[in-house]
Amino acid sequence: MTLEERVTALEKKVSSLEAIIKKEKREERKKNSTPRPLTEYQKFISEEIIRLKKEEEGSNTQTTHKERFKKAVSLWTQRQQEQQKK
């Protein structure tokens, strides 16, 4: 193995190790960070989905999560439009 080949091989190993270290640091920062607070939209949607699910528990109708989500989004849109009119 020539000197240039050895240097190239070592540079690849160093590059690989640097990538591993960078990934570990990123994971450590992510693990130690606090999550962002929920937005008003996220809070509204999760509360509405729960409310819609509870409403349908007493009835014979069964809707999918996707349908409840669509309904919650349309309610959010209506709410936003009403607030903009004020």
N, C-alpha and C. Protein backbone atom coordinates (compact mmCIF):
# COMPACT_ATOMS: atom_id res chain seq x y z
N MET A 1 0.86 -1.18 0.00
CA MET A 1 0.00 0.00 0.00
C MET A 1 0.91 1.23 0.00
N THR A 2 0.62 2.14 -0.92
CA THR A 2 1.44 3.33 -1.01
C THR A 2 1.04 4.32 0.05
N LEU A 3 1.88 5.29 0.20
CA LEU A 3 1.62 6.33 1.20
C LEU A 3 0.34 7.10 0.88
N GLU A 4 0.08 7.38 -0.36
CA GLU A 4 -1.13 8.11 -0.77
C GLU A 4 -2.39 7.28 -0.49
N GLU A 5 -2.32 6.00 -0.71
CA GLU A 5 -3.45 5.13 -0.43
C GLU A 5 -3.75 5.07 1.05
N ARG A 6 -2.69 5.01 1.84
CA ARG A 6 -2.87 4.99 3.30
C ARG A 6 -3.47 6.29 3.80
N VAL A 7 -3.00 7.41 3.24
CA VAL A 7 -3.54 8.72 3.63
C VAL A 7 -5.02 8.80 3.25
N THR A 8 -5.37 8.36 2.07
CA THR A 8 -6.76 8.37 1.62
C THR A 8 -7.63 7.50 2.52
N ALA A 9 -7.13 6.31 2.86
CA ALA A 9 -7.89 5.41 3.74
C ALA A 9 -8.08 6.04 5.12
N LEU A 10 -7.05 6.66 5.64
CA LEU A 10 -7.15 7.32 6.95
C LEU A 10 -8.11 8.51 6.91
N GLU A 11 -8.08 9.26 5.82
CA GLU A 11 -9.00 10.39 5.69
C GLU A 11 -10.44 9.92 5.66
N LYS A 12 -10.71 8.80 5.01
CA LYS A 12 -12.06 8.24 5.00
C LYS A 12 -12.49 7.83 6.39
N LYS A 13 -11.57 7.19 7.14
CA LYS A 13 -11.89 6.79 8.50
C LYS A 13 -12.16 8.00 9.38
N VAL A 14 -11.35 9.03 9.25
CA VAL A 14 -11.54 10.25 10.03
C VAL A 14 -12.88 10.89 9.69
N SER A 15 -13.19 10.94 8.42
CA SER A 15 -14.47 11.51 7.99
C SER A 15 -15.64 10.72 8.57
N SER A 16 -15.52 9.40 8.56
CA SER A 16 -16.56 8.54 9.12
C SER A 16 -16.72 8.79 10.62
N LEU A 17 -15.62 8.88 11.33
CA LEU A 17 -15.66 9.13 12.78
C LEU A 17 -16.24 10.51 13.09
N GLU A 18 -15.89 11.50 12.28
CA GLU A 18 -16.44 12.84 12.49
C GLU A 18 -17.95 12.84 12.31
N ALA A 19 -18.44 12.09 11.33
CA ALA A 19 -19.89 12.00 11.10
C ALA A 19 -20.58 11.35 12.29
N ILE A 20 -19.96 10.31 12.84
CA ILE A 20 -20.53 9.63 14.00
C ILE A 20 -20.58 10.56 15.20
N ILE A 21 -19.51 11.29 15.43
CA ILE A 21 -19.46 12.23 16.56
C ILE A 21 -20.50 13.32 16.38
N LYS A 22 -20.64 13.84 15.18
CA LYS A 22 -21.62 14.88 14.90
C LYS A 22 -23.03 14.38 15.17
N LYS A 23 -23.32 13.14 14.74
CA LYS A 23 -24.63 12.55 14.95
C LYS A 23 -24.90 12.36 16.44
N GLU A 24 -23.91 11.89 17.19
CA GLU A 24 -24.08 11.69 18.63
C GLU A 24 -24.32 13.01 19.35
N LYS A 25 -23.61 14.06 18.95
CA LYS A 25 -23.82 15.38 19.56
C LYS A 25 -25.24 15.88 19.27
N ARG A 26 -25.70 15.70 18.04
CA ARG A 26 -27.04 16.13 17.66
C ARG A 26 -28.09 15.39 18.49
N GLU A 27 -27.90 14.08 18.63
CA GLU A 27 -28.85 13.28 19.42
C GLU A 27 -28.84 13.71 20.89
N GLU A 28 -27.66 14.02 21.42
CA GLU A 28 -27.56 14.46 22.81
C GLU A 28 -28.27 15.80 23.01
N ARG A 29 -28.09 16.72 22.08
CA ARG A 29 -28.78 18.01 22.18
C ARG A 29 -30.28 17.82 22.11
N LYS A 30 -30.71 16.95 21.20
CA LYS A 30 -32.14 16.70 21.04
C LYS A 30 -32.72 16.07 22.30
N LYS A 31 -31.98 15.17 22.91
CA LYS A 31 -32.44 14.48 24.11
C LYS A 31 -32.56 15.45 25.28
N ASN A 32 -31.66 16.41 25.37
CA ASN A 32 -31.65 17.35 26.49
C ASN A 32 -32.52 18.58 26.28
N SER A 33 -33.01 18.77 25.08
CA SER A 33 -33.81 19.97 24.80
C SER A 33 -35.24 19.79 25.29
N THR A 34 -35.89 20.90 25.54
CA THR A 34 -37.29 20.85 25.95
C THR A 34 -38.15 20.98 24.69
N PRO A 35 -39.26 20.27 24.64
CA PRO A 35 -40.11 20.35 23.44
C PRO A 35 -40.78 21.72 23.33
N ARG A 36 -41.06 22.10 22.13
CA ARG A 36 -41.76 23.36 21.89
C ARG A 36 -43.18 23.27 22.43
N PRO A 37 -43.71 24.38 22.90
CA PRO A 37 -45.11 24.34 23.36
C PRO A 37 -46.04 24.17 22.15
N LEU A 38 -47.20 23.58 22.40
CA LEU A 38 -48.17 23.38 21.32
C LEU A 38 -48.74 24.71 20.87
N THR A 39 -49.01 24.81 19.58
CA THR A 39 -49.63 26.02 19.04
C THR A 39 -51.13 25.97 19.34
N GLU A 40 -51.79 27.10 19.15
CA GLU A 40 -53.24 27.15 19.36
C GLU A 40 -53.95 26.18 18.42
N TYR A 41 -53.45 26.08 17.20
CA TYR A 41 -54.04 25.16 16.22
C TYR A 41 -53.94 23.72 16.72
N GLN A 42 -52.76 23.32 17.17
CA GLN A 42 -52.56 21.95 17.64
C GLN A 42 -53.45 21.64 18.84
N LYS A 43 -53.55 22.58 19.76
CA LYS A 43 -54.40 22.40 20.94
C LYS A 43 -55.86 22.23 20.52
N PHE A 44 -56.31 23.13 19.63
CA PHE A 44 -57.69 23.10 19.18
C PHE A 44 -58.01 21.77 18.50
N ILE A 45 -57.16 21.36 17.57
CA ILE A 45 -57.41 20.13 16.80
C ILE A 45 -57.47 18.93 17.74
N SER A 46 -56.52 18.82 18.66
CA SER A 46 -56.53 17.64 19.54
C SER A 46 -57.76 17.65 20.44
N GLU A 47 -58.15 18.82 20.95
CA GLU A 47 -59.35 18.89 21.79
C GLU A 47 -60.62 18.57 21.00
N GLU A 48 -60.70 19.06 19.78
CA GLU A 48 -61.87 18.80 18.95
C GLU A 48 -61.98 17.33 18.57
N ILE A 49 -60.88 16.70 18.25
CA ILE A 49 -60.92 15.28 17.90
C ILE A 49 -61.41 14.47 19.08
N ILE A 50 -60.93 14.80 20.27
CA ILE A 50 -61.39 14.11 21.48
C ILE A 50 -62.88 14.36 21.69
N ARG A 51 -63.31 15.62 21.53
CA ARG A 51 -64.72 15.96 21.72
C ARG A 51 -65.60 15.23 20.71
N LEU A 52 -65.19 15.21 19.44
CA LEU A 52 -65.97 14.54 18.40
C LEU A 52 -66.04 13.03 18.67
N LYS A 53 -64.98 12.46 19.15
CA LYS A 53 -64.97 11.03 19.45
C LYS A 53 -65.93 10.72 20.60
N LYS A 54 -65.93 11.59 21.62
CA LYS A 54 -66.84 11.38 22.76
C LYS A 54 -68.29 11.55 22.32
N GLU A 55 -68.56 12.49 21.44
CA GLU A 55 -69.92 12.71 20.94
C GLU A 55 -70.46 11.48 20.23
N GLU A 56 -69.62 10.83 19.46
CA GLU A 56 -70.10 9.69 18.68
C GLU A 56 -70.15 8.40 19.50
N GLU A 57 -69.60 8.38 20.69
CA GLU A 57 -69.63 7.16 21.51
C GLU A 57 -71.05 6.74 21.83
N GLY A 58 -71.93 7.70 22.06
CA GLY A 58 -73.31 7.37 22.38
C GLY A 58 -74.15 7.00 21.19
N SER A 59 -73.71 7.35 20.00
CA SER A 59 -74.50 7.07 18.80
C SER A 59 -74.00 5.82 18.10
N ASN A 60 -74.75 5.41 17.10
CA ASN A 60 -74.38 4.22 16.34
C ASN A 60 -73.39 4.51 15.23
N THR A 61 -73.13 5.77 14.96
CA THR A 61 -72.23 6.11 13.86
C THR A 61 -70.78 5.96 14.29
N GLN A 62 -69.98 5.47 13.40
CA GLN A 62 -68.55 5.33 13.63
C GLN A 62 -67.81 6.07 12.52
N THR A 63 -67.03 7.07 12.89
CA THR A 63 -66.24 7.79 11.91
C THR A 63 -64.78 7.47 12.14
N THR A 64 -64.01 7.59 11.09
CA THR A 64 -62.58 7.32 11.20
C THR A 64 -61.89 8.55 11.78
N HIS A 65 -60.66 8.34 12.21
CA HIS A 65 -59.87 9.45 12.73
C HIS A 65 -59.69 10.51 11.65
N LYS A 66 -59.50 10.06 10.43
CA LYS A 66 -59.33 10.99 9.30
C LYS A 66 -60.55 11.89 9.13
N GLU A 67 -61.75 11.32 9.25
CA GLU A 67 -62.97 12.11 9.12
C GLU A 67 -63.12 13.10 10.27
N ARG A 68 -62.80 12.64 11.49
CA ARG A 68 -62.86 13.55 12.64
C ARG A 68 -61.85 14.68 12.49
N PHE A 69 -60.67 14.35 11.97
CA PHE A 69 -59.65 15.36 11.75
C PHE A 69 -60.12 16.40 10.73
N LYS A 70 -60.72 15.95 9.64
CA LYS A 70 -61.25 16.87 8.63
C LYS A 70 -62.30 17.80 9.23
N LYS A 71 -63.17 17.24 10.06
CA LYS A 71 -64.22 18.03 10.71
C LYS A 71 -63.59 19.07 11.63
N ALA A 72 -62.57 18.67 12.40
CA ALA A 72 -61.89 19.60 13.31
C ALA A 72 -61.21 20.72 12.53
N VAL A 73 -60.61 20.38 11.41
CA VAL A 73 -59.94 21.40 10.58
C VAL A 73 -60.97 22.38 10.03
N SER A 74 -62.12 21.88 9.59
CA SER A 74 -63.14 22.78 9.06
C SER A 74 -63.68 23.69 10.18
N LEU A 75 -63.80 23.16 11.39
CA LEU A 75 -64.22 23.99 12.52
C LEU A 75 -63.18 25.07 12.82
N TRP A 76 -61.91 24.70 12.74
CA TRP A 76 -60.84 25.67 12.96
C TRP A 76 -60.90 26.78 11.91
N THR A 77 -61.11 26.39 10.67
CA THR A 77 -61.19 27.35 9.57
C THR A 77 -62.35 28.32 9.79
N GLN A 78 -63.50 27.77 10.16
CA GLN A 78 -64.67 28.62 10.44
C GLN A 78 -64.37 29.58 11.58
N ARG A 79 -63.75 29.07 12.60
CA ARG A 79 -63.41 29.90 13.77
C ARG A 79 -62.47 31.04 13.38
N GLN A 80 -61.48 30.73 12.55
CA GLN A 80 -60.52 31.75 12.11
C GLN A 80 -61.22 32.81 11.25
N GLN A 81 -62.12 32.37 10.38
CA GLN A 81 -62.84 33.32 9.53
C GLN A 81 -63.72 34.22 10.36
N GLU A 82 -64.38 33.68 11.38
CA GLU A 82 -65.20 34.50 12.27
C GLU A 82 -64.38 35.53 13.03
N GLN A 83 -63.20 35.12 13.46
CA GLN A 83 -62.33 36.05 14.19
C GLN A 83 -61.81 37.16 13.29
N GLN A 84 -61.58 36.86 12.02
CA GLN A 84 -61.10 37.87 11.09
C GLN A 84 -62.19 38.89 10.77
N LYS A 85 -63.45 38.47 10.81
CA LYS A 85 -64.56 39.38 10.52
C LYS A 85 -64.74 40.40 11.65
N LYS A 86 -64.34 40.03 12.84
CA LYS A 86 -64.55 40.92 14.00
C LYS A 86 -63.63 42.09 13.98
